[in-house]
Every structure is written in C-alpha cells, then in structure tokens.
C-alpha cells in the first residue's frame, strides 16, 4: 500500500517515517563553520554580525550536546569557501567546546546539522532577524539590529514583517537610537525603562541628560521617578502652552505621621480618611477602609 507498491516491475520504495517533503541537512564539523565577528574581524557593518557571539559559552548547552548532539540544525550560507552561520551561533560555539571535551575523553565527536539558505545580503539578514523573534533581545539591541536591516535598503514595513510586529512598534524601537548616549546607557543597564526613555525623546540631548539626572536623583530613587516621566512630560507641554501647572508634592512618612496625630486633622477628617492614613503608615489594619471598599463594591455591583 502507498509507497510500498511496485511500479512497472520496480522494487517497492521504502516508506518514509513521516509523510511530507524531505529537507536536506548537512552534517558539518562545527570547526568548519564561520561565526562572523568571532572567527572573523567583522563588526556591526557585516549583515551577519550578532553582539551575542562575545557572550560566554553556555555551559548547560555544552553538556547537553555532549550527550545528545546538536538537535536543531543551524542555518548557513556559502560565501566563497566559507560556510557562514546565519542562525545557530551559540549552538556552534557550544558544539565546538563539547567536541573538545569529548576529544579529551576519547569519545566520538558530534557534527553540526546545517541547512543552506540562499539570497542577497538583505534577504539573508532578514532570515537572521526573523530568528530573533523567539529570543529575549533588549529593545535597544532590537533597535540596533532593525537599523542595520534598514541600512541594507529595506523599509520599515519590511522590518515589521521580519519581526512579526507592526510598523508603529518598529518606529518606537528606532526612536530609542535617537536618545542621548547617557539615556541609552541607562536603558541598557535597566536603570531606566524604554517607555520612560521615550518620554524624553522630544528634548534636546542636553535636556535629556539633565532630566535623567533629575530622575536618578541624589537619593537614587530611580523607580519612583521613572514612573513620573509621563507626568513630567505633560507638565512641560502645559508650561510651553502657557497653562498653569499644579504639581504633586513629595510627602514623606514623617510628615504623614505628624498629620495623623494632629488634633485638627483628627477632628476634620472622616473615619475612612483616618483609617486610610493609619493603613499607609502601618499603624492600623484599615478596618474602616475595608468596610468602605465593601460598600463601594456592593453599590457598584447593584
């Protein structure tokens, strides 16, 4: 039945394990593969350069390959006599180290399964970037890679297809590259969120640096001030339009304690306000506040 029937007297063909089209993969010594930027002196100007080639070898991946071999094929292209890795740099580096250890043990080494991709530099780079969708690149690193792709002559719409997102997202990523070096550094280190950084994008680089220092503050309270970045931007726009701006005040716990024990406050404030303040200061369980919240929830439900 199926593939095992004779055709015109010919011997029956062996049945495939899975019905479908066979794909060609080559088993290659990982040492024969070229990882751009690691095995060459190329940098960001090369379409196949990826900053992560300089990361330490993945020890867990090395041990896995020593036992099971490389399970996922690398994507490669021929460039003269070179076999350049498009996708699978980390696997290639780990396979080299796994084979080195296996060689010391006197064990059989593993080959690297490879599938060949063809196309011009822009197409090949598009294939490479497509593989990054499943990776956790930082927004700034994504922006750098998107810009390199655009530098090959491709459009933002092409980049959106490659990254599996919309053009608006591509524009937001690219906007990160217009921020001042210090702001980009703060985003890269995690001290500033990309969203907070973008709130500064319509300032000059000098004003961005000044605002960054304000956000970081002398006490290093970055998290709370990052959250205020959209508010600060709205205040700046309002001032530019000649509108009166009412800014929120910073109130510390000592001030709150003083308020909570003030006789005039206790007389004028309602039970719920006093309960809320006690709950914030950690001096009460907010019992009255909980009753009020239940009352609000009940009226909302009805």
Foldseek 3Di string as FASTA:
>chain_A
DPQCDDDPPDGGDDDDPDPDDDADKDFAALVQADEPVPNDVDDLLALQDDPCLPPDQDPVLLVVCLPVNDDDAFEWEDDPSHTYTLGCSNVSVSLVVSQVVCVVVVHDHGTGIYHYDDDDSLVSSLVSLLVCLPPDDQLQSNLSSLVSSVVVVDDLCSVCVSNVHHSVSNVLSVLLVQAAPVLNVCCVVVLAPSVLRSLCSVPDNVVSVVVVCVCCDPVRPNVVSSVCSNVVSVQVVCVVVVHDDDDDDDDDLVNLVVLLPDPVNVVPDDPQVSLVSCVVNVNHPSPVVVVVVVVVVVVVVD
